[in-house]
Amino acid sequence: MGKPTGFMELPRAERRYQAPSDRIKHYREFTLAPSDVEMAEQGARCMDCGIPFCHQGCPVNNIIPEWNDGVYRGDWQEALAVLHSTNNFPEFTGSICPAPCEAACTLNLNDQPVTIKSIERAIIDKGWEMGWVKPQIPTERSGKRVAVIGSGPAGMACAQQLARAGHEVVLYEKNDRIGGLLRYGIPDFKMEKIHIDRRIAQMQAEGVRFRPNSNIGKDIPVQKILAEYDAVVLTIGSEKARDLEVAGRNDYQGVHFAMDFLRQQNKRNAGDPIADEVAISAQGKHVVVIGGGDTGSDCIGTSIRQGALSVVQLEILPQPPEKENKLLTWPNWPNKLRTTSSHDEGIKHRYWSANTKSVTGKNGIITHLNAVAVEWKQENGQWQMSEKPDGTFTLKADLVLLAMGFVHPVHEGLLQDLGVELDGRGQIKANEKHYSTSVDKVFAAGDGRRGQSLVVWAIREGRQAARAVDEYLMGASELPR
């Protein structure tokens, strides 16, 4: 490494943000960009640890020490080339990935991991600023046609790789804009959509054709797609949300899936009209968010920006420890208490080990959520939940947002018409080597195959599926896995 003693001389510098009182007034990104000097110092902290466990922690196997060293030496263009060699869209991961690479960093043993995520974002920001990010147009065309269905990060990565291999690629999306969950599920204050738009322009120059407003299995028959293309890749995501099956769920207005709520705000930010009769707003309301993950956090930040009177969050699982036992967890992703920027913006309370029992209301509109405290005990090797005596409580609730995760891809329409085999969890059945489904020339990658997961896993699977498709079409492939 450029500075072998950097990790002993320089402290970790956390990301800096606008003050909560300022950032809740808008929906733009609020991370303060570090200087080149600051990033060089952070890159210098990457130690010559012998075994870079950060590679293991990163699903796309980013070559992290090398681009850290490039930033330290001021060779940003080399750092960008190394970064792009494994990751098509580092601005996506540098914005919203939870950074399992940092958890795996050797310096995390003393709670001072290298700021890998911040360096990654700084590299790609510099690349766009300097005009180094250019289309990679193939010199030869294969004559093969591939349809990629679903334009989230897995679909975009798969389509881009296949286009660079010389295939004619058409990327279908059922919504009116390209980007999938990145476009409509991630709030703009976490990732502005210009990052997607710039990649769309790059991919169009590389030969990818985009077809929004194209719901395969509804607007376009599945058999038409199978007849017109040499291969089809399903990157449709996992969109079947876990519902709240309690008394009053369907009796009162005001209970909504998180994705419906987040999608609407992103469409407002994009200037799209929202019909008054279907508009979901937290303004002037007591909001209860059910689910303690990233989607729940996104609902909190969005509700606060919309002007909620109060926001509370419920999680059915126990509160994790504030600090993990490194000797038991490192270099794996630890279960620990995570407080996000949205929590810092004004959440009223976070309830742990709390289970919703019912919702009640007046004149058809929700007014309260009734819950009970629970405890978890292990019996015969399995965790069992039981309600605590006298553990019931009631919360004011004018708006309840369900952020409890997703169970599997939507089966109706496309998947049923194709007749692809599903696994025991309802995901598309395809292995991680060939990514092929039970239907000839049909492949699957991303959340629809592996289940709800991270953006970095989606990019990895899209890239690997592209190589598998290229091998299927050409007999061999030079695309990286």
Protein backbone atom coordinates (compact mmCIF):
# COMPACT_ATOMS: atom_id res chain seq x y z
CA MET A 1 0.00 0.00 0.00
CA GLY A 2 1.06 3.61 -0.51
CA LYS A 3 1.24 4.38 3.21
CA PRO A 4 1.71 1.26 5.33
CA THR A 5 1.41 3.20 8.60
CA GLY A 6 -1.63 5.28 7.55
CA PHE A 7 -4.07 3.32 9.67
CA MET A 8 -2.01 4.08 12.79
CA GLU A 9 -1.61 7.78 12.05
CA LEU A 10 -4.99 8.84 10.67
CA PRO A 11 -8.42 8.46 12.31
CA ARG A 12 -11.54 7.31 10.51
CA ALA A 13 -13.62 10.24 9.25
CA GLU A 14 -17.36 9.58 9.15
CA ARG A 15 -19.65 10.97 6.47
CA ARG A 16 -20.84 14.48 7.20
CA TYR A 17 -24.45 15.54 6.69
CA GLN A 18 -26.47 18.70 6.57
CA ALA A 19 -28.09 19.43 9.92
CA PRO A 20 -31.44 17.64 10.36
CA SER A 21 -33.25 20.98 10.71
CA ASP A 22 -32.03 21.94 7.23
CA ARG A 23 -32.27 18.67 5.33
CA ILE A 24 -35.87 17.85 6.33
CA LYS A 25 -36.93 20.89 4.31
CA HIS A 26 -36.06 19.24 0.99
CA TYR A 27 -35.78 15.86 -0.77
CA ARG A 28 -32.25 16.25 -2.16
CA GLU A 29 -29.22 14.27 -1.08
CA PHE A 30 -27.73 15.83 2.06
CA THR A 31 -24.32 14.16 2.35
CA LEU A 32 -21.56 16.80 2.32
CA ALA A 33 -18.95 15.97 -0.30
CA PRO A 34 -15.46 15.47 1.18
CA SER A 35 -12.38 17.09 -0.34
CA ASP A 36 -9.80 15.19 -2.37
CA VAL A 37 -7.32 15.66 0.48
CA GLU A 38 -9.75 14.13 2.98
CA MET A 39 -10.35 11.15 0.71
CA ALA A 40 -6.62 10.69 0.13
CA GLU A 41 -6.14 10.47 3.89
CA GLN A 42 -8.93 7.94 4.22
CA GLY A 43 -7.46 5.90 1.36
CA ALA A 44 -4.13 5.96 3.17
CA ARG A 45 -5.74 4.15 6.10
CA CYS A 46 -6.22 0.97 4.02
CA MET A 47 -3.63 -1.34 5.57
CA ASP A 48 -1.56 -4.06 3.94
CA CYS A 49 -3.54 -6.69 5.84
CA GLY A 50 -2.46 -9.70 3.79
CA ILE A 51 -5.96 -11.12 3.39
CA PRO A 52 -8.39 -8.37 2.31
CA PHE A 53 -11.54 -9.56 4.04
CA CYS A 54 -13.36 -6.60 2.49
CA HIS A 55 -13.39 -8.65 -0.75
CA GLN A 56 -15.33 -11.36 1.06
CA GLY A 57 -17.75 -8.84 2.54
CA CYS A 58 -18.51 -7.26 -0.84
CA PRO A 59 -20.92 -9.31 -2.99
CA VAL A 60 -19.51 -7.87 -6.25
CA ASN A 61 -15.96 -8.62 -5.01
CA ASN A 62 -14.77 -5.04 -5.40
CA ILE A 63 -10.98 -4.80 -5.54
CA ILE A 64 -11.04 -2.36 -2.65
CA PRO A 65 -7.37 -2.02 -1.55
CA GLU A 66 -6.29 -1.15 -5.08
CA TRP A 67 -8.72 1.72 -5.55
CA ASN A 68 -8.10 2.95 -2.01
CA ASP A 69 -4.41 3.14 -2.93
CA GLY A 70 -5.21 4.94 -6.18
CA VAL A 71 -7.11 7.64 -4.29
CA TYR A 72 -4.26 7.98 -1.79
CA ARG A 73 -1.78 8.50 -4.65
CA GLY A 74 -4.11 10.91 -6.44
CA ASP A 75 -4.58 8.60 -9.43
CA TRP A 76 -8.37 8.86 -9.49
CA GLN A 77 -8.68 7.63 -13.07
CA GLU A 78 -6.93 4.36 -12.25
CA ALA A 79 -9.09 4.01 -9.14
CA LEU A 80 -12.19 4.47 -11.30
CA ALA A 81 -11.04 1.83 -13.78
CA VAL A 82 -10.47 -0.68 -10.96
CA LEU A 83 -13.84 0.18 -9.40
CA HIS A 84 -15.71 -0.21 -12.70
CA SER A 85 -14.03 -3.56 -13.37
CA THR A 86 -16.33 -5.20 -10.81
CA ASN A 87 -19.23 -2.78 -10.37
CA ASN A 88 -21.32 -1.22 -13.16
CA PHE A 89 -22.95 1.36 -10.92
CA PRO A 90 -20.78 2.41 -7.96
CA GLU A 91 -22.87 5.55 -7.49
CA PHE A 92 -25.79 3.27 -6.56
CA THR A 93 -23.83 1.23 -4.04
CA GLY A 94 -21.91 4.27 -2.81
CA SER A 95 -25.25 5.87 -1.95
CA ILE A 96 -27.47 3.14 -0.52
CA CYS A 97 -25.43 -0.02 0.16
CA PRO A 98 -25.08 -0.71 3.92
CA ALA A 99 -21.38 -1.45 3.30
CA PRO A 100 -20.80 -5.05 4.42
CA CYS A 101 -17.25 -4.43 3.14
CA GLU A 102 -16.64 -2.06 6.05
CA ALA A 103 -17.95 -4.61 8.54
CA ALA A 104 -15.42 -7.08 7.09
CA CYS A 105 -12.51 -4.60 7.14
CA THR A 106 -9.65 -5.73 9.38
CA LEU A 107 -9.66 -2.31 11.05
CA ASN A 108 -13.25 -2.95 12.14
CA LEU A 109 -11.77 -5.16 14.84
CA ASN A 110 -11.16 -1.93 16.75
CA ASP A 111 -14.23 -0.10 15.36
CA GLN A 112 -12.23 2.02 12.90
CA PRO A 113 -12.85 0.46 9.46
CA VAL A 114 -11.71 2.21 6.31
CA THR A 115 -14.43 4.51 4.94
CA ILE A 116 -14.82 2.29 1.87
CA LYS A 117 -18.32 3.45 0.96
CA SER A 118 -17.39 7.14 1.05
CA ILE A 119 -14.27 6.55 -1.04
CA GLU A 120 -16.29 4.55 -3.57
CA ARG A 121 -18.82 7.37 -3.97
CA ALA A 122 -16.04 9.96 -4.21
CA ILE A 123 -14.35 8.01 -7.02
CA ILE A 124 -17.43 7.78 -9.20
CA ASP A 125 -18.41 11.40 -8.48
CA LYS A 126 -14.93 12.43 -9.65
CA GLY A 127 -15.32 10.23 -12.72
CA TRP A 128 -18.54 11.96 -13.79
CA GLU A 129 -17.12 15.40 -12.96
CA MET A 130 -14.03 14.82 -15.11
CA GLY A 131 -15.88 13.16 -17.99
CA TRP A 132 -14.12 9.82 -17.56
CA VAL A 133 -17.34 7.76 -17.59
CA LYS A 134 -17.95 6.98 -21.23
CA PRO A 135 -19.98 4.42 -23.21
CA GLN A 136 -18.19 1.15 -23.94
CA ILE A 137 -19.45 0.44 -27.44
CA PRO A 138 -18.72 -3.06 -28.78
CA THR A 139 -16.67 -3.32 -31.96
CA GLU A 140 -18.61 -6.34 -33.21
CA ARG A 141 -22.25 -7.41 -33.03
CA SER A 142 -23.30 -10.99 -32.38
CA GLY A 143 -26.66 -10.89 -34.15
CA LYS A 144 -28.30 -12.33 -31.03
CA ARG A 145 -31.28 -10.65 -29.37
CA VAL A 146 -31.90 -10.65 -25.61
CA ALA A 147 -34.91 -9.37 -23.67
CA VAL A 148 -34.30 -8.29 -20.08
CA ILE A 149 -37.55 -7.90 -18.13
CA GLY A 150 -37.31 -5.56 -15.15
CA SER A 151 -35.13 -2.45 -15.03
CA GLY A 152 -33.89 -2.42 -11.45
CA PRO A 153 -30.16 -2.71 -10.67
CA ALA A 154 -30.04 -6.40 -11.65
CA GLY A 155 -31.73 -5.72 -14.99
CA MET A 156 -29.63 -2.66 -15.73
CA ALA A 157 -26.36 -4.46 -14.92
CA CYS A 158 -27.36 -7.51 -16.97
CA ALA A 159 -28.46 -5.41 -19.95
CA GLN A 160 -25.31 -3.30 -19.92
CA GLN A 161 -22.99 -6.31 -19.79
CA LEU A 162 -24.82 -8.08 -22.61
CA ALA A 163 -24.79 -4.97 -24.79
CA ARG A 164 -21.05 -4.61 -24.25
CA ALA A 165 -20.67 -8.23 -25.38
CA GLY A 166 -22.24 -7.24 -28.70
CA HIS A 167 -25.79 -8.51 -28.28
CA GLU A 168 -28.93 -6.58 -29.17
CA VAL A 169 -30.58 -5.93 -25.81
CA VAL A 170 -34.06 -4.59 -25.07
CA LEU A 171 -34.85 -3.74 -21.45
CA TYR A 172 -38.55 -3.87 -20.58
CA GLU A 173 -40.10 -2.06 -17.60
CA LYS A 174 -43.75 -2.09 -16.56
CA ASN A 175 -43.57 1.37 -14.93
CA ASP A 176 -43.34 4.67 -16.79
CA ARG A 177 -39.68 5.25 -15.92
CA ILE A 178 -36.58 3.05 -15.89
CA GLY A 179 -34.92 2.13 -12.59
CA GLY A 180 -37.18 -0.28 -10.73
CA LEU A 181 -36.82 -0.06 -6.96
CA LEU A 182 -34.02 2.48 -7.35
CA ARG A 183 -36.42 4.83 -9.11
CA TYR A 184 -39.53 4.43 -7.00
CA GLY A 185 -38.50 2.69 -3.78
CA ILE A 186 -35.42 4.68 -2.74
CA PRO A 187 -36.17 8.25 -1.57
CA ASP A 188 -34.45 11.04 -3.46
CA PHE A 189 -32.77 12.22 -0.27
CA LYS A 190 -30.86 8.93 -0.25
CA MET A 191 -30.14 8.84 -3.98
CA GLU A 192 -31.19 11.46 -6.51
CA LYS A 193 -32.43 10.06 -9.77
CA ILE A 194 -29.92 11.88 -11.95
CA HIS A 195 -27.60 8.96 -11.18
CA ILE A 196 -30.02 6.59 -12.94
CA ASP A 197 -30.62 8.98 -15.83
CA ARG A 198 -26.90 9.33 -16.57
CA ARG A 199 -26.51 5.55 -16.71
CA ILE A 200 -29.54 5.25 -18.99
CA ALA A 201 -27.90 7.67 -21.42
CA GLN A 202 -24.64 5.69 -21.27
CA MET A 203 -26.45 2.39 -21.88
CA GLN A 204 -28.42 3.83 -24.80
CA ALA A 205 -25.15 4.85 -26.42
CA GLU A 206 -23.92 1.28 -25.89
CA GLY A 207 -26.93 -0.07 -27.74
CA VAL A 208 -29.47 -0.93 -25.03
CA ARG A 209 -33.03 -0.06 -26.00
CA PHE A 210 -35.47 0.79 -23.21
CA ARG A 211 -39.17 -0.05 -23.25
CA PRO A 212 -41.01 1.50 -20.26
CA ASN A 213 -44.78 1.09 -19.86
CA SER A 214 -44.39 -2.52 -21.01
CA ASN A 215 -45.94 -5.03 -18.64
CA ILE A 216 -44.99 -8.44 -20.04
CA GLY A 217 -47.83 -10.86 -19.48
CA LYS A 218 -50.37 -8.04 -19.53
CA ASP A 219 -49.55 -5.45 -22.21
CA ILE A 220 -47.32 -7.79 -24.23
CA PRO A 221 -47.93 -11.56 -24.45
CA VAL A 222 -45.17 -13.75 -23.04
CA GLN A 223 -45.17 -15.94 -26.15
CA LYS A 224 -44.39 -12.92 -28.31
CA ILE A 225 -41.26 -12.24 -26.26
CA LEU A 226 -40.17 -15.88 -26.41
CA ALA A 227 -40.64 -15.93 -30.17
CA GLU A 228 -38.72 -12.73 -30.86
CA TYR A 229 -35.65 -13.20 -28.67
CA ASP A 230 -32.81 -15.71 -28.41
CA ALA A 231 -32.75 -15.39 -24.61
CA VAL A 232 -34.92 -13.81 -21.92
CA VAL A 233 -33.70 -12.68 -18.49
CA LEU A 234 -36.16 -12.18 -15.63
CA THR A 235 -34.97 -9.43 -13.28
CA ILE A 236 -38.41 -8.57 -11.95
CA GLY A 237 -37.60 -8.11 -8.27
CA SER A 238 -39.52 -9.33 -5.25
CA GLU A 239 -42.63 -7.16 -5.16
CA LYS A 240 -45.16 -9.21 -3.21
CA ALA A 241 -45.20 -7.29 0.06
CA ARG A 242 -45.82 -8.95 3.41
CA ASP A 243 -49.25 -7.85 4.59
CA LEU A 244 -50.63 -7.10 8.05
CA GLU A 245 -53.37 -9.63 8.73
CA VAL A 246 -55.05 -8.19 11.80
CA ALA A 247 -58.53 -7.04 12.74
CA GLY A 248 -59.46 -3.76 11.08
CA ARG A 249 -56.78 -3.95 8.40
CA ASN A 250 -59.31 -3.60 5.57
CA ASP A 251 -62.00 -1.76 7.50
CA TYR A 252 -60.37 1.63 7.88
CA GLN A 253 -58.67 3.97 5.47
CA GLY A 254 -55.09 4.83 6.34
CA VAL A 255 -53.14 1.54 6.20
CA HIS A 256 -50.79 1.39 3.22
CA PHE A 257 -47.82 -0.56 1.93
CA ALA A 258 -44.55 1.32 2.28
CA MET A 259 -43.74 1.06 -1.42
CA ASP A 260 -47.01 2.76 -2.40
CA PHE A 261 -46.19 5.62 -0.04
CA LEU A 262 -42.56 6.00 -1.18
CA ARG A 263 -43.43 5.64 -4.87
CA GLN A 264 -45.88 8.50 -4.69
CA GLN A 265 -43.40 10.90 -3.14
CA ASN A 266 -40.76 10.06 -5.73
CA LYS A 267 -43.30 10.67 -8.48
CA ARG A 268 -44.16 14.04 -6.93
CA ASN A 269 -40.48 14.93 -6.87
CA ALA A 270 -40.29 14.01 -10.56
CA GLY A 271 -43.23 16.32 -11.33
CA ASP A 272 -45.74 13.55 -11.98
CA PRO A 273 -49.36 14.21 -10.93
CA ILE A 274 -50.94 12.10 -8.19
CA ALA A 275 -54.72 11.74 -8.19
CA ASP A 276 -56.26 13.18 -5.02
CA GLU A 277 -58.40 10.11 -4.41
CA VAL A 278 -55.31 7.84 -4.15
CA ALA A 279 -52.83 10.30 -2.62
CA ILE A 280 -51.05 9.11 0.54
CA SER A 281 -49.66 11.86 2.75
CA ALA A 282 -48.27 12.07 6.29
CA GLN A 283 -48.86 15.78 6.59
CA GLY A 284 -50.50 16.65 9.91
CA LYS A 285 -50.81 12.99 10.90
CA HIS A 286 -49.61 10.62 13.60
CA VAL A 287 -47.66 8.01 11.64
CA VAL A 288 -46.84 4.46 12.71
CA VAL A 289 -44.23 2.59 10.65
CA ILE A 290 -44.28 -1.19 11.07
CA GLY A 291 -40.92 -2.72 10.21
CA GLY A 292 -37.44 -1.89 11.45
CA GLY A 293 -35.40 -2.22 8.25
CA ASP A 294 -34.20 0.21 5.60
CA THR A 295 -37.64 0.60 4.04
CA GLY A 296 -39.07 1.54 7.43
CA SER A 297 -36.30 4.10 7.84
CA ASP A 298 -37.13 5.54 4.40
CA CYS A 299 -40.77 5.91 5.46
CA ILE A 300 -39.66 7.78 8.58
CA GLY A 301 -37.56 10.30 6.65
CA THR A 302 -40.28 10.81 4.06
CA SER A 303 -43.03 11.23 6.69
CA ILE A 304 -41.00 13.85 8.56
CA ARG A 305 -40.40 15.78 5.33
CA GLN A 306 -44.11 15.68 4.54
CA GLY A 307 -44.90 17.29 7.90
CA ALA A 308 -46.06 14.44 10.13
CA LEU A 309 -47.15 15.38 13.66
CA SER A 310 -45.31 12.37 15.05
CA VAL A 311 -43.61 9.23 13.77
CA VAL A 312 -43.10 6.00 15.71
CA GLN A 313 -41.66 2.70 14.53
CA LEU A 314 -42.60 -0.86 15.54
CA GLU A 315 -40.38 -3.91 15.17
CA ILE A 316 -41.49 -7.39 16.16
CA LEU A 317 -37.95 -8.60 16.92
CA PRO A 318 -35.99 -7.72 20.08
CA GLN A 319 -33.69 -4.71 20.16
CA PRO A 320 -30.23 -5.77 18.96
CA PRO A 321 -27.14 -5.02 21.04
CA GLU A 322 -25.57 -1.60 20.56
CA LYS A 323 -22.20 -3.21 19.90
CA GLU A 324 -21.44 -6.63 18.45
CA ASN A 325 -18.96 -9.15 19.83
CA LYS A 326 -16.25 -8.87 17.18
CA LEU A 327 -14.64 -12.19 18.13
CA LEU A 328 -17.91 -13.95 17.30
CA THR A 329 -19.09 -11.97 14.27
CA TRP A 330 -16.15 -10.47 12.35
CA PRO A 331 -15.74 -10.46 9.35
CA ASN A 332 -19.42 -11.28 8.83
CA TRP A 333 -22.29 -8.79 8.86
CA PRO A 334 -23.24 -8.36 12.53
CA ASN A 335 -26.64 -8.06 14.16
CA LYS A 336 -26.41 -4.74 15.98
CA LEU A 337 -28.50 -1.66 16.65
CA ARG A 338 -28.42 0.64 13.63
CA THR A 339 -29.62 4.23 13.85
CA THR A 340 -30.06 5.86 10.46
CA SER A 341 -30.04 9.49 9.40
CA SER A 342 -33.85 9.35 9.24
CA HIS A 343 -34.04 8.33 12.90
CA ASP A 344 -31.96 11.39 13.76
CA GLU A 345 -34.45 13.66 12.03
CA GLY A 346 -37.14 13.46 14.68
CA ILE A 347 -38.64 10.03 15.27
CA LYS A 348 -40.69 10.01 18.45
CA HIS A 349 -40.01 6.44 19.57
CA ARG A 350 -38.82 3.03 18.39
CA TYR A 351 -40.71 0.06 19.84
CA TRP A 352 -38.97 -3.33 19.89
CA SER A 353 -40.56 -6.75 20.53
CA ALA A 354 -43.94 -5.28 19.63
CA ASN A 355 -46.66 -7.10 17.69
CA THR A 356 -49.66 -5.38 16.12
CA LYS A 357 -53.00 -6.81 17.25
CA SER A 358 -55.55 -4.60 15.49
CA VAL A 359 -56.32 -1.17 14.07
CA THR A 360 -59.39 0.82 15.06
CA GLY A 361 -60.99 3.98 13.80
CA LYS A 362 -64.01 6.17 13.39
CA ASN A 363 -66.23 6.79 10.38
CA GLY A 364 -64.14 4.41 8.29
CA ILE A 365 -60.84 6.19 9.00
CA ILE A 366 -58.08 4.79 11.22
CA THR A 367 -57.38 6.55 14.51
CA HIS A 368 -55.42 4.04 16.62
CA LEU A 369 -53.16 1.01 16.40
CA ASN A 370 -53.34 -1.60 19.17
CA ALA A 371 -50.22 -3.62 19.93
CA VAL A 372 -48.73 -5.91 22.55
CA ALA A 373 -45.22 -6.37 23.89
CA VAL A 374 -43.82 -9.83 23.20
CA GLU A 375 -40.86 -11.88 24.36
CA TRP A 376 -38.77 -14.40 22.47
CA LYS A 377 -37.55 -17.70 23.87
CA GLN A 378 -35.72 -20.56 22.24
CA GLU A 379 -37.46 -23.93 22.50
CA ASN A 380 -36.15 -27.10 20.84
CA GLY A 381 -33.77 -25.04 18.74
CA GLN A 382 -36.45 -22.68 17.46
CA TRP A 383 -37.38 -19.18 18.54
CA GLN A 384 -40.91 -18.88 19.89
CA MET A 385 -42.82 -15.65 20.47
CA SER A 386 -45.26 -15.13 23.33
CA GLU A 387 -47.22 -12.10 24.45
CA LYS A 388 -46.30 -10.47 27.74
CA PRO A 389 -49.05 -10.32 30.36
CA ASP A 390 -50.42 -6.79 30.62
CA GLY A 391 -48.23 -5.84 27.64
CA THR A 392 -50.93 -4.24 25.52
CA PHE A 393 -50.65 -0.61 24.47
CA THR A 394 -52.34 1.74 22.02
CA LEU A 395 -50.82 4.34 19.71
CA LYS A 396 -52.40 7.25 17.91
CA ALA A 397 -52.35 6.37 14.24
CA ASP A 398 -53.76 8.41 11.37
CA LEU A 399 -51.44 6.66 8.91
CA VAL A 400 -49.91 3.17 9.20
CA LEU A 401 -47.14 2.20 6.78
CA LEU A 402 -46.32 -1.48 6.29
CA ALA A 403 -42.57 -1.92 5.79
CA MET A 404 -42.36 -5.59 6.75
CA GLY A 405 -40.45 -6.83 3.74
CA PHE A 406 -41.37 -8.86 0.68
CA VAL A 407 -42.19 -12.55 0.42
CA HIS A 408 -41.54 -13.33 -3.25
CA PRO A 409 -42.02 -11.97 -6.79
CA VAL A 410 -45.52 -11.43 -8.13
CA HIS A 411 -46.64 -14.75 -9.60
CA GLU A 412 -49.69 -13.58 -11.51
CA GLY A 413 -49.17 -12.69 -15.16
CA LEU A 414 -45.60 -13.11 -16.37
CA LEU A 415 -44.42 -16.02 -14.21
CA GLN A 416 -47.66 -17.98 -14.50
CA ASP A 417 -47.76 -17.49 -18.26
CA LEU A 418 -44.16 -18.62 -18.60
CA GLY A 419 -44.73 -21.62 -16.34
CA VAL A 420 -41.31 -21.31 -14.70
CA GLU A 421 -40.64 -23.53 -11.69
CA LEU A 422 -40.58 -21.83 -8.29
CA ASP A 423 -38.67 -22.88 -5.20
CA GLY A 424 -40.13 -23.54 -1.76
CA ARG A 425 -40.16 -19.85 -0.91
CA GLY A 426 -41.98 -18.83 -4.07
CA GLN A 427 -38.85 -17.42 -5.76
CA ILE A 428 -37.91 -18.22 -9.36
CA LYS A 429 -35.88 -21.43 -9.28
CA ALA A 430 -32.44 -20.92 -10.86
CA ASN A 431 -28.96 -21.67 -9.52
CA GLU A 432 -26.06 -19.22 -9.09
CA LYS A 433 -23.92 -20.82 -11.77
CA HIS A 434 -26.09 -20.88 -14.88
CA TYR A 435 -29.03 -18.72 -13.73
CA SER A 436 -31.23 -20.75 -16.07
CA THR A 437 -34.85 -21.48 -15.19
CA SER A 438 -36.95 -24.56 -15.96
CA VAL A 439 -38.00 -22.92 -19.25
CA ASP A 440 -35.58 -23.13 -22.16
CA LYS A 441 -33.63 -19.91 -22.89
CA VAL A 442 -35.19 -18.12 -19.89
CA PHE A 443 -32.86 -16.95 -17.10
CA ALA A 444 -33.45 -15.23 -13.76
CA ALA A 445 -31.39 -12.97 -11.50
CA GLY A 446 -31.78 -10.53 -8.63
CA ASP A 447 -34.40 -10.40 -5.89
CA GLY A 448 -36.89 -12.44 -7.91
CA ARG A 449 -34.45 -15.34 -7.75
CA ARG A 450 -32.63 -14.95 -4.43
CA GLY A 451 -35.30 -13.10 -2.43
CA GLN A 452 -35.33 -9.58 -1.05
CA SER A 453 -31.75 -8.40 -0.75
CA LEU A 454 -29.28 -5.54 -1.25
CA VAL A 455 -28.58 -3.44 -4.35
CA VAL A 456 -25.05 -4.81 -4.42
CA TRP A 457 -26.35 -8.39 -4.64
CA ALA A 458 -28.65 -7.34 -7.49
CA ILE A 459 -25.73 -5.89 -9.45
CA ARG A 460 -23.66 -9.01 -8.83
CA GLU A 461 -26.43 -11.33 -10.01
CA GLY A 462 -27.14 -9.20 -13.07
CA ARG A 463 -23.49 -9.36 -14.09
CA GLN A 464 -23.20 -13.09 -13.49
CA ALA A 465 -26.44 -13.81 -15.31
CA ALA A 466 -25.17 -11.78 -18.28
CA ARG A 467 -22.10 -14.01 -18.50
CA ALA A 468 -24.29 -17.12 -18.28
CA VAL A 469 -26.51 -15.83 -21.11
CA ASP A 470 -23.47 -14.93 -23.20
CA GLU A 471 -22.10 -18.46 -22.74
CA TYR A 472 -25.50 -19.90 -23.69
CA LEU A 473 -25.67 -17.83 -26.86
CA MET A 474 -22.03 -18.00 -27.96
CA GLY A 475 -20.63 -21.14 -26.33
CA ALA A 476 -18.07 -19.11 -24.36
CA SER A 477 -17.84 -15.68 -22.74
CA GLU A 478 -15.21 -13.10 -21.92
CA LEU A 479 -17.53 -11.22 -19.58
CA PRO A 480 -16.37 -11.18 -15.94
CA ARG A 481 -18.42 -12.90 -13.26
